[in-house]
Amino acid sequence: MSYTYQGKVYAIKAPVKSISINKLNVVVKDQTGSKLFKFTQLNESKDFLAMLYQA
């Protein structure tokens, strides 16, 4: 499934196995492997996680 956040498209395939968070970095492990998403502000990473949880 693709998610669009602030003009960028993030491809994450269900089911999501785990999510790891370290302030500005979010690692999502899905059926295709791990993907690292880097953000420049803490609010961006929080908003991205909120969007993932709603989906």
N, C-alpha and C. Protein backbone atom coordinates (compact mmCIF):
# COMPACT_ATOMS: atom_id res chain seq x y z
N MET A 1 0.84 -1.16 0.00
CA MET A 1 0.00 0.00 0.00
C MET A 1 0.89 1.23 0.00
N SER A 2 0.51 2.23 -0.73
CA SER A 2 1.29 3.46 -0.80
C SER A 2 0.62 4.54 0.03
N TYR A 3 1.43 5.29 0.74
CA TYR A 3 0.96 6.39 1.55
C TYR A 3 1.61 7.66 1.03
N THR A 4 0.86 8.73 0.95
CA THR A 4 1.41 10.02 0.56
C THR A 4 1.43 10.91 1.78
N TYR A 5 2.63 11.39 2.11
CA TYR A 5 2.79 12.27 3.25
C TYR A 5 3.64 13.45 2.83
N GLN A 6 3.10 14.64 2.91
CA GLN A 6 3.75 15.88 2.54
C GLN A 6 4.37 15.81 1.14
N GLY A 7 3.63 15.27 0.20
CA GLY A 7 4.06 15.22 -1.18
C GLY A 7 4.98 14.07 -1.54
N LYS A 8 5.38 13.26 -0.58
CA LYS A 8 6.24 12.11 -0.85
C LYS A 8 5.41 10.84 -0.74
N VAL A 9 5.73 9.87 -1.58
CA VAL A 9 5.01 8.60 -1.58
C VAL A 9 5.86 7.55 -0.88
N TYR A 10 5.26 6.89 0.10
CA TYR A 10 5.93 5.84 0.87
C TYR A 10 5.21 4.53 0.59
N ALA A 11 5.93 3.52 0.14
CA ALA A 11 5.34 2.21 -0.17
C ALA A 11 5.60 1.25 0.98
N ILE A 12 4.51 0.81 1.60
CA ILE A 12 4.58 -0.15 2.71
C ILE A 12 3.57 -1.24 2.42
N LYS A 13 4.01 -2.48 2.43
CA LYS A 13 3.13 -3.60 2.15
C LYS A 13 2.63 -4.23 3.44
N ALA A 14 1.33 -4.48 3.48
CA ALA A 14 0.73 -5.13 4.65
C ALA A 14 1.08 -6.60 4.63
N PRO A 15 1.21 -7.25 5.73
CA PRO A 15 1.09 -6.73 7.09
C PRO A 15 2.40 -6.12 7.56
N VAL A 16 2.28 -5.11 8.39
CA VAL A 16 3.46 -4.50 9.02
C VAL A 16 3.84 -5.35 10.22
N LYS A 17 5.08 -5.82 10.24
CA LYS A 17 5.55 -6.70 11.31
C LYS A 17 6.01 -5.92 12.53
N SER A 18 6.70 -4.79 12.30
CA SER A 18 7.16 -3.98 13.42
C SER A 18 7.46 -2.56 12.96
N ILE A 19 7.44 -1.65 13.94
CA ILE A 19 7.80 -0.26 13.72
C ILE A 19 8.77 0.14 14.82
N SER A 20 9.93 0.66 14.43
CA SER A 20 10.93 1.14 15.40
C SER A 20 11.08 2.64 15.23
N ILE A 21 11.18 3.35 16.35
CA ILE A 21 11.21 4.80 16.31
C ILE A 21 12.41 5.30 17.12
N ASN A 22 13.15 6.25 16.55
CA ASN A 22 14.24 6.90 17.25
C ASN A 22 14.24 8.37 16.86
N LYS A 23 13.44 9.15 17.53
CA LYS A 23 13.25 10.59 17.32
C LYS A 23 12.94 10.93 15.87
N LEU A 24 13.95 11.11 15.03
CA LEU A 24 13.73 11.54 13.65
C LEU A 24 13.71 10.40 12.65
N ASN A 25 14.01 9.19 13.07
CA ASN A 25 14.06 8.05 12.18
C ASN A 25 12.96 7.04 12.52
N VAL A 26 12.31 6.54 11.48
CA VAL A 26 11.28 5.52 11.66
C VAL A 26 11.64 4.35 10.74
N VAL A 27 11.72 3.14 11.31
CA VAL A 27 11.99 1.94 10.52
C VAL A 27 10.72 1.09 10.55
N VAL A 28 10.21 0.78 9.36
CA VAL A 28 9.02 -0.05 9.24
C VAL A 28 9.44 -1.37 8.61
N LYS A 29 9.14 -2.47 9.29
CA LYS A 29 9.44 -3.79 8.76
C LYS A 29 8.13 -4.40 8.26
N ASP A 30 8.09 -4.66 6.95
CA ASP A 30 6.91 -5.27 6.36
C ASP A 30 7.31 -6.57 5.68
N GLN A 31 6.45 -7.11 4.85
CA GLN A 31 6.75 -8.40 4.24
C GLN A 31 7.87 -8.34 3.21
N THR A 32 8.23 -7.15 2.74
CA THR A 32 9.32 -7.03 1.77
C THR A 32 10.65 -6.71 2.43
N GLY A 33 10.64 -6.40 3.73
CA GLY A 33 11.88 -6.08 4.43
C GLY A 33 11.74 -4.81 5.24
N SER A 34 12.87 -4.26 5.65
CA SER A 34 12.88 -3.05 6.47
C SER A 34 13.10 -1.83 5.61
N LYS A 35 12.40 -0.75 5.97
CA LYS A 35 12.54 0.51 5.26
C LYS A 35 12.77 1.61 6.28
N LEU A 36 13.79 2.44 6.03
CA LEU A 36 14.13 3.55 6.90
C LEU A 36 13.56 4.83 6.32
N PHE A 37 12.84 5.56 7.16
CA PHE A 37 12.30 6.86 6.79
C PHE A 37 12.93 7.89 7.70
N LYS A 38 13.61 8.88 7.11
CA LYS A 38 14.29 9.92 7.88
C LYS A 38 13.51 11.22 7.75
N PHE A 39 13.36 11.90 8.88
CA PHE A 39 12.66 13.17 8.91
C PHE A 39 13.58 14.22 9.50
N THR A 40 13.27 15.50 9.25
CA THR A 40 14.12 16.58 9.73
C THR A 40 13.59 17.20 11.02
N GLN A 41 12.30 16.98 11.31
CA GLN A 41 11.71 17.53 12.53
C GLN A 41 10.93 16.45 13.26
N LEU A 42 10.89 16.55 14.57
CA LEU A 42 10.20 15.57 15.39
C LEU A 42 8.70 15.51 15.08
N ASN A 43 8.10 16.66 14.81
CA ASN A 43 6.68 16.69 14.48
C ASN A 43 6.38 15.91 13.21
N GLU A 44 7.29 15.93 12.24
CA GLU A 44 7.08 15.18 11.00
C GLU A 44 7.02 13.69 11.26
N SER A 45 7.93 13.19 12.08
CA SER A 45 7.93 11.75 12.37
C SER A 45 6.68 11.36 13.15
N LYS A 46 6.23 12.20 14.08
CA LYS A 46 5.01 11.92 14.83
C LYS A 46 3.79 11.92 13.92
N ASP A 47 3.71 12.88 13.02
CA ASP A 47 2.58 12.94 12.09
C ASP A 47 2.58 11.73 11.15
N PHE A 48 3.75 11.31 10.71
CA PHE A 48 3.85 10.14 9.84
C PHE A 48 3.36 8.89 10.57
N LEU A 49 3.75 8.71 11.83
CA LEU A 49 3.30 7.58 12.60
C LEU A 49 1.79 7.62 12.82
N ALA A 50 1.26 8.78 13.09
CA ALA A 50 -0.19 8.91 13.27
C ALA A 50 -0.92 8.50 12.00
N MET A 51 -0.39 8.89 10.84
CA MET A 51 -0.99 8.51 9.58
C MET A 51 -0.95 6.98 9.39
N LEU A 52 0.17 6.36 9.75
CA LEU A 52 0.29 4.89 9.63
C LEU A 52 -0.70 4.19 10.53
N TYR A 53 -0.85 4.66 11.76
CA TYR A 53 -1.74 4.01 12.71
C TYR A 53 -3.20 4.11 12.28
N GLN A 54 -3.56 5.18 11.58
CA GLN A 54 -4.93 5.37 11.13
C GLN A 54 -5.27 4.47 9.95
N ALA A 55 -4.28 4.09 9.17
CA ALA A 55 -4.52 3.28 7.97
C ALA A 55 -4.83 1.85 8.30
